[in-house]
PDB file of N, CA and C in Angstrom:
ATOM      1  N   MET A   1     -23.510  31.125 274.734  1.00  0.00           N
ATOM      2  CA  MET A   1     -24.959  31.986 274.889  1.00  0.00           C
ATOM      3  C   MET A   1     -25.533  31.052 275.723  1.00  0.00           C
ATOM      4  N   ALA A   2     -26.419  31.768 276.150  1.00  0.00           N
ATOM      5  CA  ALA A   2     -28.070  31.374 276.366  1.00  0.00           C
ATOM      6  C   ALA A   2     -29.075  31.227 275.567  1.00  0.00           C
ATOM      7  N   ILE A   3     -29.836  31.174 275.296  1.00  0.00           N
ATOM      8  CA  ILE A   3     -31.219  31.403 275.237  1.00  0.00           C
ATOM      9  C   ILE A   3     -32.210  31.559 276.217  1.00  0.00           C
ATOM     10  N   LEU A   4     -33.723  32.526 277.412  1.00  0.00           N
ATOM     11  CA  LEU A   4     -33.591  31.982 278.127  1.00  0.00           C
ATOM     12  C   LEU A   4     -35.242  32.265 277.750  1.00  0.00           C
ATOM     13  N   LYS A   5     -36.135  31.741 278.220  1.00  0.00           N
ATOM     14  CA  LYS A   5     -37.888  31.896 278.508  1.00  0.00           C
ATOM     15  C   LYS A   5     -38.264  32.472 279.690  1.00  0.00           C
ATOM     16  N   VAL A   6     -39.304  33.137 279.769  1.00  0.00           N
ATOM     17  CA  VAL A   6     -40.111  33.568 280.651  1.00  0.00           C
ATOM     18  C   VAL A   6     -41.572  33.046 280.255  1.00  0.00           C
ATOM     19  N   ILE A   7     -42.221  32.262 281.050  1.00  0.00           N
ATOM     20  CA  ILE A   7     -44.092  32.166 281.392  1.00  0.00           C
ATOM     21  C   ILE A   7     -44.311  32.742 282.372  1.00  0.00           C
ATOM     22  N   GLU A   8     -45.316  32.738 282.466  1.00  0.00           N
ATOM     23  CA  GLU A   8     -46.028  33.669 283.675  1.00  0.00           C
ATOM     24  C   GLU A   8     -47.484  32.481 284.345  1.00  0.00           C
ATOM     25  N   VAL A   9     -47.214  31.972 285.799  1.00  0.00           N
ATOM     26  CA  VAL A   9     -48.259  30.782 285.952  1.00  0.00           C
ATOM     27  C   VAL A   9     -48.527  31.115 287.329  1.00  0.00           C
ATOM     28  N   MET A  10     -50.270  30.898 287.469  1.00  0.00           N
ATOM     29  CA  MET A  10     -50.549  31.735 288.819  1.00  0.00           C
ATOM     30  C   MET A  10     -50.535  29.681 289.681  1.00  0.00           C
ATOM     31  N   ALA A  11     -50.785  29.874 290.624  1.00  0.00           N
ATOM     32  CA  ALA A  11     -50.678  28.933 291.488  1.00  0.00           C
ATOM     33  C   ALA A  11     -51.432  29.229 292.741  1.00  0.00           C
ATOM     34  N   ASN A  12     -51.797  27.996 293.521  1.00  0.00           N
ATOM     35  CA  ASN A  12     -52.449  28.638 295.329  1.00  0.00           C
ATOM     36  C   ASN A  12     -52.003  26.905 295.915  1.00  0.00           C
ATOM     37  N   SER A  13     -52.452  27.837 297.151  1.00  0.00           N
ATOM     38  CA  SER A  13     -51.875  26.393 298.781  1.00  0.00           C
ATOM     39  C   SER A  13     -53.337  26.822 299.854  1.00  0.00           C
ATOM     40  N   ASP A  14     -53.521  25.612 300.029  1.00  0.00           N
ATOM     41  CA  ASP A  14     -54.106  26.570 301.311  1.00  0.00           C
ATOM     42  C   ASP A  14     -53.468  26.409 303.034  1.00  0.00           C
ATOM     43  N   LYS A  15     -51.864  26.253 302.740  1.00  0.00           N
ATOM     44  CA  LYS A  15     -51.281  26.833 303.656  1.00  0.00           C
ATOM     45  C   LYS A  15     -50.201  27.671 304.181  1.00  0.00           C
ATOM     46  N   SER A  16     -49.687  27.913 302.016  1.00  0.00           N
ATOM     47  CA  SER A  16     -48.519  29.482 302.786  1.00  0.00           C
ATOM     48  C   SER A  16     -48.526  30.118 301.294  1.00  0.00           C
ATOM     49  N   TRP A  17     -47.847  31.153 300.717  1.00  0.00           N
ATOM     50  CA  TRP A  17     -47.627  31.381 299.724  1.00  0.00           C
ATOM     51  C   TRP A  17     -46.238  30.394 299.124  1.00  0.00           C
ATOM     52  N   GLU A  18     -45.179  30.548 300.293  1.00  0.00           N
ATOM     53  CA  GLU A  18     -43.859  29.837 299.561  1.00  0.00           C
ATOM     54  C   GLU A  18     -44.200  28.717 299.282  1.00  0.00           C
ATOM     55  N   GLU A  19     -45.450  27.452 299.534  1.00  0.00           N
ATOM     56  CA  GLU A  19     -45.643  26.721 299.540  1.00  0.00           C
ATOM     57  C   GLU A  19     -47.315  26.822 297.410  1.00  0.00           C
ATOM     58  N   ALA A  20     -47.478  28.012 297.807  1.00  0.00           N
ATOM     59  CA  ALA A  20     -48.751  28.041 296.575  1.00  0.00           C
ATOM     60  C   ALA A  20     -46.781  27.822 294.966  1.00  0.00           C
ATOM     61  N   ALA A  21     -45.934  28.961 295.477  1.00  0.00           N
ATOM     62  CA  ALA A  21     -44.889  29.290 294.791  1.00  0.00           C
ATOM     63  C   ALA A  21     -44.120  27.933 294.541  1.00  0.00           C
ATOM     64  N   LYS A  22     -44.080  26.761 295.026  1.00  0.00           N
ATOM     65  CA  LYS A  22     -43.210  25.552 295.105  1.00  0.00           C
ATOM     66  C   LYS A  22     -44.783  24.662 294.353  1.00  0.00           C
ATOM     67  N   ASN A  23     -45.800  24.827 294.495  1.00  0.00           N
ATOM     68  CA  ASN A  23     -46.866  24.189 293.379  1.00  0.00           C
ATOM     69  C   ASN A  23     -46.647  25.298 291.801  1.00  0.00           C
ATOM     70  N   ALA A  24     -46.546  25.996 292.073  1.00  0.00           N
ATOM     71  CA  ALA A  24     -46.352  26.956 290.368  1.00  0.00           C
ATOM     72  C   ALA A  24     -44.946  25.820 289.906  1.00  0.00           C
ATOM     73  N   VAL A  25     -44.329  25.832 290.624  1.00  0.00           N
ATOM     74  CA  VAL A  25     -42.741  24.924 290.422  1.00  0.00           C
ATOM     75  C   VAL A  25     -43.248  23.789 289.935  1.00  0.00           C
ATOM     76  N   ARG A  26     -43.218  22.820 290.473  1.00  0.00           N
ATOM     77  CA  ARG A  26     -43.750  21.445 290.430  1.00  0.00           C
ATOM     78  C   ARG A  26     -44.528  21.288 288.906  1.00  0.00           C
ATOM     79  N   GLN A  27     -45.868  22.015 288.832  1.00  0.00           N
ATOM     80  CA  GLN A  27     -46.468  21.967 287.595  1.00  0.00           C
ATOM     81  C   GLN A  27     -46.060  22.353 286.721  1.00  0.00           C
ATOM     82  N   ALA A  28     -45.317  23.385 286.255  1.00  0.00           N
ATOM     83  CA  ALA A  28     -44.582  24.277 285.033  1.00  0.00           C
ATOM     84  C   ALA A  28     -43.255  22.717 285.011  1.00  0.00           C
ATOM     85  N   ALA A  29     -43.030  22.278 286.027  1.00  0.00           N
ATOM     86  CA  ALA A  29     -41.570  21.415 285.998  1.00  0.00           C
ATOM     87  C   ALA A  29     -42.194  20.094 285.012  1.00  0.00           C
ATOM     88  N   LYS A  30     -43.651  19.902 284.876  1.00  0.00           N
ATOM     89  CA  LYS A  30     -43.781  18.864 283.996  1.00  0.00           C
ATOM     90  C   LYS A  30     -43.927  19.029 282.354  1.00  0.00           C
ATOM     91  N   SER A  31     -44.018  20.441 282.626  1.00  0.00           N
ATOM     92  CA  SER A  31     -43.732  20.161 280.531  1.00  0.00           C
ATOM     93  C   SER A  31     -42.851  21.265 280.120  1.00  0.00           C
ATOM     94  N   VAL A  32     -41.983  21.982 281.232  1.00  0.00           N
ATOM     95  CA  VAL A  32     -41.035  22.586 281.056  1.00  0.00           C
ATOM     96  C   VAL A  32     -39.287  22.358 281.542  1.00  0.00           C
ATOM     97  N   LYS A  33     -38.495  21.807 280.767  1.00  0.00           N
ATOM     98  CA  LYS A  33     -37.447  21.784 281.844  1.00  0.00           C
ATOM     99  C   LYS A  33     -36.052  22.513 281.809  1.00  0.00           C
ATOM    100  N   ASN A  34     -35.675  22.431 282.546  1.00  0.00           N
ATOM    101  CA  ASN A  34     -33.893  23.501 282.792  1.00  0.00           C
ATOM    102  C   ASN A  34     -34.456  24.900 283.450  1.00  0.00           C
ATOM    103  N   ILE A  35     -35.429  24.951 284.494  1.00  0.00           N
ATOM    104  CA  ILE A  35     -35.974  26.136 285.208  1.00  0.00           C
ATOM    105  C   ILE A  35     -34.659  26.695 285.756  1.00  0.00           C
ATOM    106  N   LYS A  36     -34.593  27.805 285.902  1.00  0.00           N
ATOM    107  CA  LYS A  36     -33.143  28.657 286.592  1.00  0.00           C
ATOM    108  C   LYS A  36     -33.885  29.030 287.431  1.00  0.00           C
ATOM    109  N   SER A  37     -34.998  29.969 287.516  1.00  0.00           N
ATOM    110  CA  SER A  37     -35.117  30.886 288.186  1.00  0.00           C
ATOM    111  C   SER A  37     -36.418  31.183 288.259  1.00  0.00           C
ATOM    112  N   VAL A  38     -37.437  31.816 289.670  1.00  0.00           N
ATOM    113  CA  VAL A  38     -39.021  32.246 289.895  1.00  0.00           C
ATOM    114  C   VAL A  38     -38.642  33.507 290.126  1.00  0.00           C
ATOM    115  N   TYR A  39     -40.158  34.627 289.880  1.00  0.00           N
ATOM    116  CA  TYR A  39     -39.675  36.178 290.434  1.00  0.00           C
ATOM    117  C   TYR A  39     -40.981  35.844 290.926  1.00  0.00           C
ATOM    118  N   ILE A  40     -41.566  36.134 291.998  1.00  0.00           N
ATOM    119  CA  ILE A  40     -43.256  36.342 292.600  1.00  0.00           C
ATOM    120  C   ILE A  40     -43.199  37.856 292.238  1.00  0.00           C
ATOM    121  N   LYS A  41     -44.632  37.424 291.291  1.00  0.00           N
ATOM    122  CA  LYS A  41     -44.615  39.099 290.802  1.00  0.00           C
ATOM    123  C   LYS A  41     -46.147  39.293 292.344  1.00  0.00           C
ATOM    124  N   GLU A  42     -46.781  38.603 292.265  1.00  0.00           N
ATOM    125  CA  GLU A  42     -48.250  39.429 292.884  1.00  0.00           C
ATOM    126  C   GLU A  42     -48.569  38.324 294.063  1.00  0.00           C
ATOM    127  N   GLN A  43     -48.761  38.000 295.370  1.00  0.00           N
ATOM    128  CA  GLN A  43     -49.288  37.379 296.532  1.00  0.00           C
ATOM    129  C   GLN A  43     -50.771  37.899 296.557  1.00  0.00           C
ATOM    130  N   THR A  44     -51.373  37.436 297.096  1.00  0.00           N
ATOM    131  CA  THR A  44     -53.184  37.312 297.676  1.00  0.00           C
ATOM    132  C   THR A  44     -53.808  36.381 298.542  1.00  0.00           C
ATOM    133  N   ALA A  45     -54.808  36.800 299.051  1.00  0.00           N
ATOM    134  CA  ALA A  45     -55.248  35.278 299.337  1.00  0.00           C
ATOM    135  C   ALA A  45     -56.446  35.708 299.937  1.00  0.00           C
ATOM    136  N   ASN A  46     -57.428  34.725 299.917  1.00  0.00           N
ATOM    137  CA  ASN A  46     -59.020  34.823 300.460  1.00  0.00           C
ATOM    138  C   ASN A  46     -58.977  34.559 301.573  1.00  0.00           C
ATOM    139  N   VAL A  47     -60.032  35.504 302.107  1.00  0.00           N
ATOM    140  CA  VAL A  47     -60.124  35.377 303.824  1.00  0.00           C
ATOM    141  C   VAL A  47     -61.919  35.060 304.134  1.00  0.00           C
ATOM    142  N   GLU A  48     -61.686  33.650 305.200  1.00  0.00           N
ATOM    143  CA  GLU A  48     -62.900  33.198 305.673  1.00  0.00           C
ATOM    144  C   GLU A  48     -62.813  33.930 307.259  1.00  0.00           C
ATOM    145  N   GLY A  49     -63.989  34.924 307.596  1.00  0.00           N
ATOM    146  CA  GLY A  49     -63.524  35.727 309.195  1.00  0.00           C
ATOM    147  C   GLY A  49     -62.352  36.326 309.327  1.00  0.00           C
ATOM    148  N   GLU A  50     -61.615  35.860 310.355  1.00  0.00           N
ATOM    149  CA  GLU A  50     -60.059  36.631 310.404  1.00  0.00           C
ATOM    150  C   GLU A  50     -59.219  35.549 309.891  1.00  0.00           C
ATOM    151  N   ASN A  51     -59.535  34.973 308.931  1.00  0.00           N
ATOM    152  CA  ASN A  51     -58.789  33.628 308.860  1.00  0.00           C
ATOM    153  C   ASN A  51     -57.935  33.720 306.959  1.00  0.00           C
ATOM    154  N   LEU A  52     -57.017  34.124 307.143  1.00  0.00           N
ATOM    155  CA  LEU A  52     -56.481  33.823 305.557  1.00  0.00           C
ATOM    156  C   LEU A  52     -56.873  32.114 305.031  1.00  0.00           C
ATOM    157  N   VAL A  53     -57.217  31.854 304.317  1.00  0.00           N
ATOM    158  CA  VAL A  53     -57.950  30.171 303.846  1.00  0.00           C
ATOM    159  C   VAL A  53     -56.922  29.336 302.485  1.00  0.00           C
ATOM    160  N   ASP A  54     -56.824  30.793 301.604  1.00  0.00           N
ATOM    161  CA  ASP A  54     -56.218  29.921 299.850  1.00  0.00           C
ATOM    162  C   ASP A  54     -55.346  31.263 299.837  1.00  0.00           C
ATOM    163  N   TYR A  55     -54.284  30.560 299.698  1.00  0.00           N
ATOM    164  CA  TYR A  55     -52.799  31.549 299.660  1.00  0.00           C
ATOM    165  C   TYR A  55     -52.407  31.579 297.705  1.00  0.00           C
ATOM    166  N   ARG A  56     -52.639  32.734 296.907  1.00  0.00           N
ATOM    167  CA  ARG A  56     -52.390  32.656 296.223  1.00  0.00           C
ATOM    168  C   ARG A  56     -50.635  33.604 294.985  1.00  0.00           C
ATOM    169  N   VAL A  57     -50.669  32.723 294.238  1.00  0.00           N
ATOM    170  CA  VAL A  57     -49.339  33.688 293.857  1.00  0.00           C
ATOM    171  C   VAL A  57     -49.116  33.493 292.307  1.00  0.00           C
ATOM    172  N   ASN A  58     -49.037  34.709 291.801  1.00  0.00           N
ATOM    173  CA  ASN A  58     -48.498  34.957 290.582  1.00  0.00           C
ATOM    174  C   ASN A  58     -46.903  35.406 290.376  1.00  0.00           C
ATOM    175  N   VAL A  59     -46.626  34.192 289.366  1.00  0.00           N
ATOM    176  CA  VAL A  59     -44.840  33.755 289.180  1.00  0.00           C
ATOM    177  C   VAL A  59     -44.471  34.059 287.838  1.00  0.00           C
ATOM    178  N   LYS A  60     -43.913  34.540 287.735  1.00  0.00           N
ATOM    179  CA  LYS A  60     -42.582  34.466 286.650  1.00  0.00           C
ATOM    180  C   LYS A  60     -41.317  33.494 286.631  1.00  0.00           C
ATOM    181  N   ILE A  61     -41.540  32.351 285.126  1.00  0.00           N
ATOM    182  CA  ILE A  61     -41.055  30.932 285.166  1.00  0.00           C
ATOM    183  C   ILE A  61     -39.947  31.514 283.964  1.00  0.00           C
ATOM    184  N   THR A  62     -38.275  31.268 284.934  1.00  0.00           N
ATOM    185  CA  THR A  62     -37.442  31.487 283.681  1.00  0.00           C
ATOM    186  C   THR A  62     -36.449  30.459 283.493  1.00  0.00           C
ATOM    187  N   PHE A  63     -37.021  29.984 282.292  1.00  0.00           N
ATOM    188  CA  PHE A  63     -36.071  28.337 281.728  1.00  0.00           C
ATOM    189  C   PHE A  63     -34.943  28.406 280.693  1.00  0.00           C
ATOM    190  N   GLU A  64     -34.350  27.888 280.771  1.00  0.00           N
ATOM    191  CA  GLU A  64     -33.304  28.114 279.300  1.00  0.00           C
ATOM    192  C   GLU A  64     -34.114  26.638 278.133  1.00  0.00           C
ATOM    193  N   VAL A  65     -33.880  27.568 277.079  1.00  0.00           N
ATOM    194  CA  VAL A  65     -34.223  26.720 275.820  1.00  0.00           C
ATOM    195  C   VAL A  65     -32.376  26.395 275.002  1.00  0.00           C
ATOM    196  N   ASP A  66     -33.080  24.903 275.127  1.00  0.00           N
ATOM    197  CA  ASP A  66     -32.222  23.840 274.347  1.00  0.00           C
ATOM    198  C   ASP A  66     -31.941  24.550 272.707  1.00  0.00           C
TER     199      ASP A  66
END
């Protein structure tokens, strides 16, 4: 039986929500091993004029504990 743990991470990108999610996983992977899945909990963006300029995600990252 595997033991799984979930952490919540916020990340951003100036390109896309997908890139922001990738940034969250990259950052978490620096200190957490065995990442199994990511759940995108929330997406937001900052707007300047008519353009989206900063994409933000709040993600739940699930990993297996040894």
